[in-house]
């Protein structure tokens, strides 16, 4: 009888890692805060939550111009209205933009982030990425919506253990 209990406990312990959801990104992401520092000039602060190695691309509206950043120059690429940041072991990135439209208010900046360690991604500031920001293939969507089999493995192992004990 002790052997069956030991086998059951071993199966539960060994299946525990399979019960964890590796795609759980509830506490992972990049938030954006925009503050006006002068008329038509804004500081944008990106705050990373639970991300170690990340790529961030911000898309500025037509009336905004990138001015500067506190991020190292070799980790920043500006291409038209897109600003890309390579972030390693940092929790914040700050950059400055200037509006060509007087009194335009807080700008509508969009962006995406990709966590290179967990292979997760999302919209900067939370929410769902627009179709233009990311196009998911049917295969990717199916894989993202397919639940893990860890719970079913645990149930099957417990059933097998029950049958063994019953004999």
C-alpha atoms as a PDB file:
ATOM      1  CA  UNK A   1       0.000   0.000   0.000  1.00  0.00           C
ATOM      2  CA  UNK A   2       2.863   2.400   0.775  1.00  0.00           C
ATOM      3  CA  UNK A   3       4.247   1.864  -2.717  1.00  0.00           C
ATOM      4  CA  UNK A   4       0.962   2.982  -4.312  1.00  0.00           C
ATOM      5  CA  UNK A   5       0.870   6.142  -2.202  1.00  0.00           C
ATOM      6  CA  UNK A   6       4.487   6.903  -3.102  1.00  0.00           C
ATOM      7  CA  UNK A   7       3.752   6.374  -6.808  1.00  0.00           C
ATOM      8  CA  UNK A   8       0.682   8.618  -6.610  1.00  0.00           C
ATOM      9  CA  UNK A   9       2.620  11.388  -4.870  1.00  0.00           C
ATOM     10  CA  UNK A  10       5.469  11.092  -7.367  1.00  0.00           C
ATOM     11  CA  UNK A  11       3.031  11.406 -10.280  1.00  0.00           C
ATOM     12  CA  UNK A  12       1.430  14.492  -8.742  1.00  0.00           C
ATOM     13  CA  UNK A  13       4.779  16.153  -8.067  1.00  0.00           C
ATOM     14  CA  UNK A  14       6.141  15.349 -11.525  1.00  0.00           C
ATOM     15  CA  UNK A  15       3.009  16.624 -13.272  1.00  0.00           C
ATOM     16  CA  UNK A  16       2.915  19.915 -11.298  1.00  0.00           C
ATOM     17  CA  UNK A  17       5.101  21.824 -13.781  1.00  0.00           C
ATOM     18  CA  UNK A  18       2.650  20.878 -16.534  1.00  0.00           C
ATOM     19  CA  UNK A  19      -0.171  22.474 -14.590  1.00  0.00           C
ATOM     20  CA  UNK A  20       1.434  25.898 -14.729  1.00  0.00           C
ATOM     21  CA  UNK A  21       0.377  28.137 -17.600  1.00  0.00           C
ATOM     22  CA  UNK A  22       3.564  29.302 -19.334  1.00  0.00           C
ATOM     23  CA  UNK A  23       1.553  31.818 -21.373  1.00  0.00           C
ATOM     24  CA  UNK A  24       0.218  33.636 -18.319  1.00  0.00           C
ATOM     25  CA  UNK A  25       1.022  37.268 -19.021  1.00  0.00           C
ATOM     26  CA  UNK A  26      -1.336  38.862 -16.506  1.00  0.00           C
ATOM     27  CA  UNK A  27       1.529  40.678 -14.772  1.00  0.00           C
ATOM     28  CA  UNK A  28       3.708  41.139 -17.819  1.00  0.00           C
ATOM     29  CA  UNK A  29       3.648  44.074 -20.161  1.00  0.00           C
ATOM     30  CA  UNK A  30       4.696  47.597 -20.987  1.00  0.00           C
ATOM     31  CA  UNK A  31       2.783  50.652 -19.774  1.00  0.00           C
ATOM     32  CA  UNK A  32       2.994  54.148 -21.256  1.00  0.00           C
ATOM     33  CA  UNK A  33       2.766  57.456 -19.375  1.00  0.00           C
ATOM     34  CA  UNK A  34       2.783  60.756 -21.279  1.00  0.00           C
ATOM     35  CA  UNK A  35       3.483  64.065 -19.568  1.00  0.00           C
ATOM     36  CA  UNK A  36       3.602  67.534 -21.104  1.00  0.00           C
ATOM     37  CA  UNK A  37       6.878  69.234 -20.146  1.00  0.00           C
ATOM     38  CA  UNK A  38       6.486  72.358 -22.307  1.00  0.00           C
ATOM     39  CA  UNK A  39       3.896  73.602 -24.794  1.00  0.00           C
ATOM     40  CA  UNK A  40       3.689  70.950 -27.553  1.00  0.00           C
ATOM     41  CA  UNK A  41       6.540  68.921 -26.027  1.00  0.00           C
ATOM     42  CA  UNK A  42       5.979  65.627 -24.220  1.00  0.00           C
ATOM     43  CA  UNK A  43       7.975  63.077 -22.265  1.00  0.00           C
ATOM     44  CA  UNK A  44       6.859  59.496 -22.859  1.00  0.00           C
ATOM     45  CA  UNK A  45       7.822  56.955 -20.189  1.00  0.00           C
ATOM     46  CA  UNK A  46       7.543  53.239 -20.925  1.00  0.00           C
ATOM     47  CA  UNK A  47       7.501  51.055 -17.807  1.00  0.00           C
ATOM     48  CA  UNK A  48       8.285  47.345 -18.175  1.00  0.00           C
ATOM     49  CA  UNK A  49       6.614  44.845 -15.838  1.00  0.00           C
ATOM     50  CA  UNK A  50       8.264  41.410 -15.402  1.00  0.00           C
ATOM     51  CA  UNK A  51      10.239  41.623 -18.644  1.00  0.00           C
ATOM     52  CA  UNK A  52      14.019  41.143 -18.825  1.00  0.00           C
ATOM     53  CA  UNK A  53      14.788  41.224 -22.558  1.00  0.00           C
ATOM     54  CA  UNK A  54      12.338  43.103 -24.726  1.00  0.00           C
ATOM     55  CA  UNK A  55      11.857  44.847 -28.042  1.00  0.00           C
ATOM     56  CA  UNK A  56       9.475  47.824 -28.124  1.00  0.00           C
ATOM     57  CA  UNK A  57       8.283  49.687 -31.213  1.00  0.00           C
ATOM     58  CA  UNK A  58       6.335  52.916 -30.797  1.00  0.00           C
ATOM     59  CA  UNK A  59       4.452  54.476 -33.713  1.00  0.00           C
ATOM     60  CA  UNK A  60       4.035  58.240 -33.568  1.00  0.00           C
ATOM     61  CA  UNK A  61       1.162  60.119 -35.208  1.00  0.00           C
ATOM     62  CA  UNK A  62       2.027  62.307 -38.231  1.00  0.00           C
ATOM     63  CA  UNK A  63       2.213  65.547 -36.226  1.00  0.00           C
ATOM     64  CA  UNK A  64       4.791  64.217 -33.719  1.00  0.00           C
ATOM     65  CA  UNK A  65       8.547  64.315 -34.132  1.00  0.00           C
ATOM     66  CA  UNK A  66      11.024  62.290 -32.094  1.00  0.00           C
ATOM     67  CA  UNK A  67      13.388  64.627 -30.195  1.00  0.00           C
ATOM     68  CA  UNK A  68      15.566  62.550 -27.858  1.00  0.00           C
ATOM     69  CA  UNK A  69      15.749  59.660 -25.412  1.00  0.00           C
ATOM     70  CA  UNK A  70      17.545  58.712 -22.218  1.00  0.00           C
ATOM     71  CA  UNK A  71      17.994  55.198 -23.624  1.00  0.00           C
ATOM     72  CA  UNK A  72      21.487  54.339 -25.004  1.00  0.00           C
ATOM     73  CA  UNK A  73      21.826  55.469 -28.614  1.00  0.00           C
ATOM     74  CA  UNK A  74      22.993  52.057 -29.870  1.00  0.00           C
ATOM     75  CA  UNK A  75      19.762  50.483 -28.555  1.00  0.00           C
ATOM     76  CA  UNK A  76      17.426  52.890 -30.400  1.00  0.00           C
ATOM     77  CA  UNK A  77      16.391  52.938 -34.056  1.00  0.00           C
ATOM     78  CA  UNK A  78      14.267  55.716 -35.533  1.00  0.00           C
ATOM     79  CA  UNK A  79      12.675  55.042 -38.902  1.00  0.00           C
ATOM     80  CA  UNK A  80      10.087  57.563 -40.047  1.00  0.00           C
ATOM     81  CA  UNK A  81       7.323  57.604 -37.427  1.00  0.00           C
ATOM     82  CA  UNK A  82       8.549  54.357 -35.772  1.00  0.00           C
ATOM     83  CA  UNK A  83      10.907  54.293 -32.800  1.00  0.00           C
ATOM     84  CA  UNK A  84      12.311  50.901 -31.769  1.00  0.00           C
ATOM     85  CA  UNK A  85      14.017  50.178 -28.459  1.00  0.00           C
ATOM     86  CA  UNK A  86      16.095  47.146 -27.458  1.00  0.00           C
ATOM     87  CA  UNK A  87      15.707  46.792 -23.689  1.00  0.00           C
ATOM     88  CA  UNK A  88      17.815  44.496 -21.495  1.00  0.00           C
ATOM     89  CA  UNK A  89      17.551  44.473 -17.678  1.00  0.00           C
ATOM     90  CA  UNK A  90      15.823  47.848 -17.500  1.00  0.00           C
ATOM     91  CA  UNK A  91      12.475  48.827 -16.063  1.00  0.00           C
ATOM     92  CA  UNK A  92      11.932  52.181 -17.815  1.00  0.00           C
ATOM     93  CA  UNK A  93      12.582  53.880 -21.118  1.00  0.00           C
ATOM     94  CA  UNK A  94      11.914  57.599 -21.554  1.00  0.00           C
ATOM     95  CA  UNK A  95      11.820  59.559 -24.779  1.00  0.00           C
ATOM     96  CA  UNK A  96      10.743  63.047 -25.819  1.00  0.00           C
ATOM     97  CA  UNK A  97       8.504  64.053 -28.713  1.00  0.00           C
ATOM     98  CA  UNK A  98       7.387  67.420 -30.118  1.00  0.00           C
ATOM     99  CA  UNK A  99       4.058  68.193 -31.739  1.00  0.00           C
ATOM    100  CA  UNK A 100       3.802  70.406 -34.814  1.00  0.00           C
ATOM    101  CA  UNK A 101       0.131  71.110 -34.049  1.00  0.00           C
ATOM    102  CA  UNK A 102      -0.276  73.782 -31.335  1.00  0.00           C
ATOM    103  CA  UNK A 103      -2.730  72.897 -28.566  1.00  0.00           C
ATOM    104  CA  UNK A 104      -3.236  69.356 -29.860  1.00  0.00           C
ATOM    105  CA  UNK A 105      -3.393  67.848 -26.361  1.00  0.00           C
ATOM    106  CA  UNK A 106      -1.984  64.487 -25.328  1.00  0.00           C
ATOM    107  CA  UNK A 107      -0.806  62.565 -28.414  1.00  0.00           C
ATOM    108  CA  UNK A 108      -2.248  59.184 -29.425  1.00  0.00           C
ATOM    109  CA  UNK A 109       0.868  57.001 -29.594  1.00  0.00           C
ATOM    110  CA  UNK A 110       0.551  53.289 -30.347  1.00  0.00           C
ATOM    111  CA  UNK A 111       3.105  50.569 -29.812  1.00  0.00           C
ATOM    112  CA  UNK A 112       3.876  46.902 -29.408  1.00  0.00           C
ATOM    113  CA  UNK A 113       6.318  44.973 -27.224  1.00  0.00           C
ATOM    114  CA  UNK A 114       7.855  41.522 -27.562  1.00  0.00           C
ATOM    115  CA  UNK A 115       9.330  39.657 -24.591  1.00  0.00           C
ATOM    116  CA  UNK A 116      12.161  37.647 -26.114  1.00  0.00           C
ATOM    117  CA  UNK A 117      12.542  35.247 -23.182  1.00  0.00           C
ATOM    118  CA  UNK A 118       8.922  34.128 -22.870  1.00  0.00           C
ATOM    119  CA  UNK A 119       8.048  34.772 -26.532  1.00  0.00           C
ATOM    120  CA  UNK A 120       5.010  36.786 -25.462  1.00  0.00           C
ATOM    121  CA  UNK A 121       3.878  40.080 -26.905  1.00  0.00           C
ATOM    122  CA  UNK A 122       1.248  42.733 -26.506  1.00  0.00           C
ATOM    123  CA  UNK A 123       0.196  46.304 -27.040  1.00  0.00           C
ATOM    124  CA  UNK A 124       2.008  49.012 -25.102  1.00  0.00           C
ATOM    125  CA  UNK A 125      -0.369  50.246 -22.439  1.00  0.00           C
ATOM    126  CA  UNK A 126      -2.285  46.983 -22.415  1.00  0.00           C
ATOM    127  CA  UNK A 127      -5.281  46.011 -24.450  1.00  0.00           C
ATOM    128  CA  UNK A 128      -5.401  44.138 -27.716  1.00  0.00           C
ATOM    129  CA  UNK A 129      -3.082  44.900 -30.588  1.00  0.00           C
ATOM    130  CA  UNK A 130      -4.829  46.256 -33.636  1.00  0.00           C
ATOM    131  CA  UNK A 131      -4.861  44.182 -36.812  1.00  0.00           C
ATOM    132  CA  UNK A 132      -2.329  46.543 -38.418  1.00  0.00           C
ATOM    133  CA  UNK A 133       0.095  46.098 -35.517  1.00  0.00           C
ATOM    134  CA  UNK A 134       0.076  42.304 -35.564  1.00  0.00           C
ATOM    135  CA  UNK A 135      -1.403  39.731 -37.899  1.00  0.00           C
ATOM    136  CA  UNK A 136      -1.927  36.319 -36.305  1.00  0.00           C
ATOM    137  CA  UNK A 137      -2.131  33.301 -38.557  1.00  0.00           C
ATOM    138  CA  UNK A 138      -4.839  30.701 -37.969  1.00  0.00           C
ATOM    139  CA  UNK A 139      -2.230  28.243 -36.672  1.00  0.00           C
ATOM    140  CA  UNK A 140      -0.883  30.760 -34.133  1.00  0.00           C
ATOM    141  CA  UNK A 141      -4.389  31.616 -32.956  1.00  0.00           C
ATOM    142  CA  UNK A 142      -5.211  27.922 -32.506  1.00  0.00           C
ATOM    143  CA  UNK A 143      -2.010  27.340 -30.524  1.00  0.00           C
ATOM    144  CA  UNK A 144      -2.676  30.363 -28.298  1.00  0.00           C
ATOM    145  CA  UNK A 145      -6.232  29.222 -27.537  1.00  0.00           C
ATOM    146  CA  UNK A 146      -5.386  25.555 -26.943  1.00  0.00           C
ATOM    147  CA  UNK A 147      -5.301  24.839 -23.204  1.00  0.00           C
ATOM    148  CA  UNK A 148      -2.460  22.815 -21.737  1.00  0.00           C
ATOM    149  CA  UNK A 149      -2.964  19.137 -21.062  1.00  0.00           C
ATOM    150  CA  UNK A 150      -1.457  19.216 -17.558  1.00  0.00           C
ATOM    151  CA  UNK A 151      -4.793  18.933 -15.758  1.00  0.00           C
ATOM    152  CA  UNK A 152      -5.898  16.016 -17.928  1.00  0.00           C
ATOM    153  CA  UNK A 153      -2.600  14.218 -17.324  1.00  0.00           C
ATOM    154  CA  UNK A 154      -3.059  14.631 -13.565  1.00  0.00           C
ATOM    155  CA  UNK A 155      -6.630  13.269 -13.724  1.00  0.00           C
ATOM    156  CA  UNK A 156      -5.492  10.295 -15.825  1.00  0.00           C
ATOM    157  CA  UNK A 157      -2.627   9.533 -13.427  1.00  0.00           C
ATOM    158  CA  UNK A 158      -4.942   9.669 -10.438  1.00  0.00           C
ATOM    159  CA  UNK A 159      -7.348   7.290 -12.211  1.00  0.00           C
ATOM    160  CA  UNK A 160      -4.499   4.859 -12.949  1.00  0.00           C
ATOM    161  CA  UNK A 161      -3.335   5.081  -9.332  1.00  0.00           C
ATOM    162  CA  UNK A 162      -6.879   4.388  -8.137  1.00  0.00           C
ATOM    163  CA  UNK A 163      -7.082   1.296 -10.339  1.00  0.00           C
ATOM    164  CA  UNK A 164      -3.723   0.071  -9.020  1.00  0.00           C
ATOM    165  CA  UNK A 165      -4.773   0.556  -5.382  1.00  0.00           C
ATOM    166  CA  UNK A 166      -8.088  -1.179  -5.984  1.00  0.00           C
ATOM    167  CA  UNK A 167      -6.383  -4.398  -7.155  1.00  0.00           C
END
